[in-house]
Amino acid sequence: MSKVKVKSISNDRRPSTSKLKVISFYTALLVVITALLGLYIAWVELMTQGNTEELIV
């Protein structure tokens, strides 16, 4: 029986640690921006209690 060549599926092309840190920083920044945007929208909704417009999507 002949040997079957098997390609390794290990992570040979792993990103470097510094690249992972940069990606983590940008991800955290986007999360903070999203949270601040959500808080702003909630605050605006609380301040405009008199308007009862409905948005149907």
PDB file of N, CA and C in Angstrom:
ATOM      1  N   MET A   1       0.836  -1.166   0.000  1.00  0.00           N
ATOM      2  CA  MET A   1       0.000   0.000   0.000  1.00  0.00           C
ATOM      3  C   MET A   1       0.887   1.238   0.000  1.00  0.00           C
ATOM      4  N   SER A   2       0.588   2.198  -0.860  1.00  0.00           N
ATOM      5  CA  SER A   2       1.411   3.408  -0.945  1.00  0.00           C
ATOM      6  C   SER A   2       0.967   4.430   0.104  1.00  0.00           C
ATOM      7  N   LYS A   3       1.916   5.261   0.488  1.00  0.00           N
ATOM      8  CA  LYS A   3       1.629   6.279   1.496  1.00  0.00           C
ATOM      9  C   LYS A   3       0.823   7.416   0.865  1.00  0.00           C
ATOM     10  N   VAL A   4      -0.112   7.895   1.598  1.00  0.00           N
ATOM     11  CA  VAL A   4      -0.934   9.017   1.147  1.00  0.00           C
ATOM     12  C   VAL A   4      -0.343  10.298   1.714  1.00  0.00           C
ATOM     13  N   LYS A   5      -0.156  11.285   0.848  1.00  0.00           N
ATOM     14  CA  LYS A   5       0.364  12.566   1.304  1.00  0.00           C
ATOM     15  C   LYS A   5      -0.775  13.353   1.953  1.00  0.00           C
ATOM     16  N   VAL A   6      -0.502  13.801   3.145  1.00  0.00           N
ATOM     17  CA  VAL A   6      -1.509  14.547   3.895  1.00  0.00           C
ATOM     18  C   VAL A   6      -0.978  15.956   4.125  1.00  0.00           C
ATOM     19  N   LYS A   7      -1.770  16.919   3.770  1.00  0.00           N
ATOM     20  CA  LYS A   7      -1.377  18.307   3.974  1.00  0.00           C
ATOM     21  C   LYS A   7      -1.694  18.710   5.409  1.00  0.00           C
ATOM     22  N   SER A   8      -0.763  19.330   6.051  1.00  0.00           N
ATOM     23  CA  SER A   8      -0.947  19.750   7.440  1.00  0.00           C
ATOM     24  C   SER A   8      -1.955  20.884   7.499  1.00  0.00           C
ATOM     25  N   ILE A   9      -2.836  20.813   8.462  1.00  0.00           N
ATOM     26  CA  ILE A   9      -3.824  21.871   8.616  1.00  0.00           C
ATOM     27  C   ILE A   9      -3.503  22.741   9.824  1.00  0.00           C
ATOM     28  N   SER A  10      -2.269  22.763  10.226  1.00  0.00           N
ATOM     29  CA  SER A  10      -1.870  23.607  11.356  1.00  0.00           C
ATOM     30  C   SER A  10      -1.845  25.064  10.897  1.00  0.00           C
ATOM     31  N   ASN A  11      -1.817  25.955  11.858  1.00  0.00           N
ATOM     32  CA  ASN A  11      -1.837  27.388  11.560  1.00  0.00           C
ATOM     33  C   ASN A  11      -0.422  27.888  11.287  1.00  0.00           C
ATOM     34  N   ASP A  12       0.081  27.584  10.122  1.00  0.00           N
ATOM     35  CA  ASP A  12       1.414  28.046   9.756  1.00  0.00           C
ATOM     36  C   ASP A  12       1.407  29.533   9.429  1.00  0.00           C
ATOM     37  N   ARG A  13       0.260  30.037   9.021  1.00  0.00           N
ATOM     38  CA  ARG A  13       0.176  31.441   8.598  1.00  0.00           C
ATOM     39  C   ARG A  13      -0.514  32.275   9.673  1.00  0.00           C
ATOM     40  N   ARG A  14      -0.133  32.100  10.907  1.00  0.00           N
ATOM     41  CA  ARG A  14      -0.700  32.842  12.022  1.00  0.00           C
ATOM     42  C   ARG A  14      -0.233  34.288  11.979  1.00  0.00           C
ATOM     43  N   PRO A  15      -1.147  35.238  12.264  1.00  0.00           N
ATOM     44  CA  PRO A  15      -0.700  36.631  12.319  1.00  0.00           C
ATOM     45  C   PRO A  15       0.222  36.871  13.506  1.00  0.00           C
ATOM     46  N   SER A  16       1.087  37.830  13.381  1.00  0.00           N
ATOM     47  CA  SER A  16       2.037  38.115  14.455  1.00  0.00           C
ATOM     48  C   SER A  16       1.316  38.740  15.647  1.00  0.00           C
ATOM     49  N   THR A  17       1.994  38.748  16.768  1.00  0.00           N
ATOM     50  CA  THR A  17       1.404  39.286  17.996  1.00  0.00           C
ATOM     51  C   THR A  17       1.091  40.761  17.861  1.00  0.00           C
ATOM     52  N   SER A  18       1.969  41.508  17.224  1.00  0.00           N
ATOM     53  CA  SER A  18       1.724  42.941  17.072  1.00  0.00           C
ATOM     54  C   SER A  18       0.515  43.198  16.173  1.00  0.00           C
ATOM     55  N   LYS A  19       0.341  42.374  15.154  1.00  0.00           N
ATOM     56  CA  LYS A  19      -0.805  42.530  14.279  1.00  0.00           C
ATOM     57  C   LYS A  19      -2.099  42.205  15.026  1.00  0.00           C
ATOM     58  N   LEU A  20      -2.060  41.193  15.890  1.00  0.00           N
ATOM     59  CA  LEU A  20      -3.226  40.852  16.698  1.00  0.00           C
ATOM     60  C   LEU A  20      -3.576  41.966  17.672  1.00  0.00           C
ATOM     61  N   LYS A  21      -2.558  42.624  18.216  1.00  0.00           N
ATOM     62  CA  LYS A  21      -2.808  43.740  19.128  1.00  0.00           C
ATOM     63  C   LYS A  21      -3.472  44.901  18.400  1.00  0.00           C
ATOM     64  N   VAL A  22      -3.047  45.173  17.191  1.00  0.00           N
ATOM     65  CA  VAL A  22      -3.653  46.252  16.406  1.00  0.00           C
ATOM     66  C   VAL A  22      -5.100  45.920  16.070  1.00  0.00           C
ATOM     67  N   ILE A  23      -5.351  44.686  15.671  1.00  0.00           N
ATOM     68  CA  ILE A  23      -6.717  44.264  15.360  1.00  0.00           C
ATOM     69  C   ILE A  23      -7.587  44.343  16.609  1.00  0.00           C
ATOM     70  N   SER A  24      -7.055  43.926  17.746  1.00  0.00           N
ATOM     71  CA  SER A  24      -7.803  43.995  19.005  1.00  0.00           C
ATOM     72  C   SER A  24      -8.114  45.436  19.378  1.00  0.00           C
ATOM     73  N   PHE A  25      -7.168  46.334  19.165  1.00  0.00           N
ATOM     74  CA  PHE A  25      -7.388  47.745  19.468  1.00  0.00           C
ATOM     75  C   PHE A  25      -8.510  48.322  18.613  1.00  0.00           C
ATOM     76  N   TYR A  26      -8.465  48.062  17.308  1.00  0.00           N
ATOM     77  CA  TYR A  26      -9.507  48.586  16.422  1.00  0.00           C
ATOM     78  C   TYR A  26     -10.872  47.975  16.744  1.00  0.00           C
ATOM     79  N   THR A  27     -10.889  46.714  17.119  1.00  0.00           N
ATOM     80  CA  THR A  27     -12.149  46.075  17.498  1.00  0.00           C
ATOM     81  C   THR A  27     -12.717  46.719  18.754  1.00  0.00           C
ATOM     82  N   ALA A  28     -11.876  46.939  19.751  1.00  0.00           N
ATOM     83  CA  ALA A  28     -12.327  47.583  20.987  1.00  0.00           C
ATOM     84  C   ALA A  28     -12.808  49.003  20.715  1.00  0.00           C
ATOM     85  N   LEU A  29     -12.129  49.709  19.835  1.00  0.00           N
ATOM     86  CA  LEU A  29     -12.530  51.070  19.475  1.00  0.00           C
ATOM     87  C   LEU A  29     -13.907  51.076  18.815  1.00  0.00           C
ATOM     88  N   LEU A  30     -14.149  50.131  17.915  1.00  0.00           N
ATOM     89  CA  LEU A  30     -15.457  50.048  17.270  1.00  0.00           C
ATOM     90  C   LEU A  30     -16.555  49.692  18.268  1.00  0.00           C
ATOM     91  N   VAL A  31     -16.247  48.846  19.239  1.00  0.00           N
ATOM     92  CA  VAL A  31     -17.232  48.497  20.273  1.00  0.00           C
ATOM     93  C   VAL A  31     -17.576  49.726  21.105  1.00  0.00           C
ATOM     94  N   VAL A  32     -16.571  50.513  21.473  1.00  0.00           N
ATOM     95  CA  VAL A  32     -16.817  51.723  22.261  1.00  0.00           C
ATOM     96  C   VAL A  32     -17.650  52.723  21.461  1.00  0.00           C
ATOM     97  N   ILE A  33     -17.331  52.908  20.200  1.00  0.00           N
ATOM     98  CA  ILE A  33     -18.097  53.829  19.354  1.00  0.00           C
ATOM     99  C   ILE A  33     -19.542  53.367  19.241  1.00  0.00           C
ATOM    100  N   THR A  34     -19.747  52.074  19.065  1.00  0.00           N
ATOM    101  CA  THR A  34     -21.102  51.529  18.965  1.00  0.00           C
ATOM    102  C   THR A  34     -21.871  51.730  20.262  1.00  0.00           C
ATOM    103  N   ALA A  35     -21.215  51.502  21.384  1.00  0.00           N
ATOM    104  CA  ALA A  35     -21.873  51.692  22.683  1.00  0.00           C
ATOM    105  C   ALA A  35     -22.241  53.157  22.893  1.00  0.00           C
ATOM    106  N   LEU A  36     -21.340  54.070  22.555  1.00  0.00           N
ATOM    107  CA  LEU A  36     -21.633  55.492  22.697  1.00  0.00           C
ATOM    108  C   LEU A  36     -22.777  55.924  21.784  1.00  0.00           C
ATOM    109  N   LEU A  37     -22.812  55.400  20.588  1.00  0.00           N
ATOM    110  CA  LEU A  37     -23.899  55.709  19.668  1.00  0.00           C
ATOM    111  C   LEU A  37     -25.232  55.202  20.217  1.00  0.00           C
ATOM    112  N   GLY A  38     -25.232  54.011  20.775  1.00  0.00           N
ATOM    113  CA  GLY A  38     -26.444  53.469  21.379  1.00  0.00           C
ATOM    114  C   GLY A  38     -26.917  54.300  22.557  1.00  0.00           C
ATOM    115  N   LEU A  39     -25.979  54.736  23.405  1.00  0.00           N
ATOM    116  CA  LEU A  39     -26.337  55.599  24.528  1.00  0.00           C
ATOM    117  C   LEU A  39     -26.892  56.936  24.061  1.00  0.00           C
ATOM    118  N   TYR A  40     -26.303  57.483  23.017  1.00  0.00           N
ATOM    119  CA  TYR A  40     -26.784  58.761  22.474  1.00  0.00           C
ATOM    120  C   TYR A  40     -28.209  58.615  21.941  1.00  0.00           C
ATOM    121  N   ILE A  41     -28.465  57.560  21.201  1.00  0.00           N
ATOM    122  CA  ILE A  41     -29.805  57.337  20.659  1.00  0.00           C
ATOM    123  C   ILE A  41     -30.811  57.144  21.785  1.00  0.00           C
ATOM    124  N   ALA A  42     -30.445  56.390  22.820  1.00  0.00           N
ATOM    125  CA  ALA A  42     -31.338  56.192  23.961  1.00  0.00           C
ATOM    126  C   ALA A  42     -31.596  57.506  24.681  1.00  0.00           C
ATOM    127  N   TRP A  43     -30.568  58.322  24.836  1.00  0.00           N
ATOM    128  CA  TRP A  43     -30.720  59.622  25.498  1.00  0.00           C
ATOM    129  C   TRP A  43     -31.636  60.531  24.704  1.00  0.00           C
ATOM    130  N   VAL A  44     -31.474  60.574  23.397  1.00  0.00           N
ATOM    131  CA  VAL A  44     -32.331  61.399  22.549  1.00  0.00           C
ATOM    132  C   VAL A  44     -33.778  60.916  22.639  1.00  0.00           C
ATOM    133  N   GLU A  45     -33.982  59.623  22.670  1.00  0.00           N
ATOM    134  CA  GLU A  45     -35.338  59.075  22.796  1.00  0.00           C
ATOM    135  C   GLU A  45     -35.968  59.466  24.131  1.00  0.00           C
ATOM    136  N   LEU A  46     -35.176  59.468  25.193  1.00  0.00           N
ATOM    137  CA  LEU A  46     -35.701  59.866  26.499  1.00  0.00           C
ATOM    138  C   LEU A  46     -36.040  61.351  26.549  1.00  0.00           C
ATOM    139  N   MET A  47     -35.266  62.168  25.876  1.00  0.00           N
ATOM    140  CA  MET A  47     -35.487  63.609  25.892  1.00  0.00           C
ATOM    141  C   MET A  47     -36.674  64.024  25.017  1.00  0.00           C
ATOM    142  N   THR A  48     -37.056  63.207  24.068  1.00  0.00           N
ATOM    143  CA  THR A  48     -38.167  63.537  23.166  1.00  0.00           C
ATOM    144  C   THR A  48     -39.360  62.639  23.465  1.00  0.00           C
ATOM    145  N   GLN A  49     -39.806  62.655  24.717  1.00  0.00           N
ATOM    146  CA  GLN A  49     -40.914  61.814  25.111  1.00  0.00           C
ATOM    147  C   GLN A  49     -42.237  62.274  24.516  1.00  0.00           C
ATOM    148  N   GLY A  50     -42.346  63.563  24.211  1.00  0.00           N
ATOM    149  CA  GLY A  50     -43.595  64.087  23.681  1.00  0.00           C
ATOM    150  C   GLY A  50     -43.886  63.608  22.266  1.00  0.00           C
ATOM    151  N   ASN A  51     -42.880  63.383  21.475  1.00  0.00           N
ATOM    152  CA  ASN A  51     -43.078  62.896  20.090  1.00  0.00           C
ATOM    153  C   ASN A  51     -43.299  61.397  20.110  1.00  0.00           C
ATOM    154  N   THR A  52     -44.393  60.964  19.535  1.00  0.00           N
ATOM    155  CA  THR A  52     -44.670  59.536  19.485  1.00  0.00           C
ATOM    156  C   THR A  52     -44.731  59.084  18.045  1.00  0.00           C
ATOM    157  N   GLU A  53     -43.653  59.243  17.360  1.00  0.00           N
ATOM    158  CA  GLU A  53     -43.570  58.772  15.978  1.00  0.00           C
ATOM    159  C   GLU A  53     -43.155  57.308  15.985  1.00  0.00           C
ATOM    160  N   GLU A  54     -43.721  56.545  15.088  1.00  0.00           N
ATOM    161  CA  GLU A  54     -43.358  55.144  14.991  1.00  0.00           C
ATOM    162  C   GLU A  54     -42.643  54.908  13.672  1.00  0.00           C
ATOM    163  N   LEU A  55     -41.605  54.153  13.747  1.00  0.00           N
ATOM    164  CA  LEU A  55     -40.855  53.773  12.560  1.00  0.00           C
ATOM    165  C   LEU A  55     -41.030  52.283  12.364  1.00  0.00           C
ATOM    166  N   ILE A  56     -41.669  51.919  11.285  1.00  0.00           N
ATOM    167  CA  ILE A  56     -41.895  50.514  11.004  1.00  0.00           C
ATOM    168  C   ILE A  56     -40.919  50.096   9.911  1.00  0.00           C
ATOM    169  N   VAL A  57     -40.110  49.152  10.249  1.00  0.00           N
ATOM    170  CA  VAL A  57     -39.092  48.700   9.302  1.00  0.00           C
ATOM    171  C   VAL A  57     -39.475  47.332   8.790  1.00  0.00           C
TER     172      VAL A  57
END
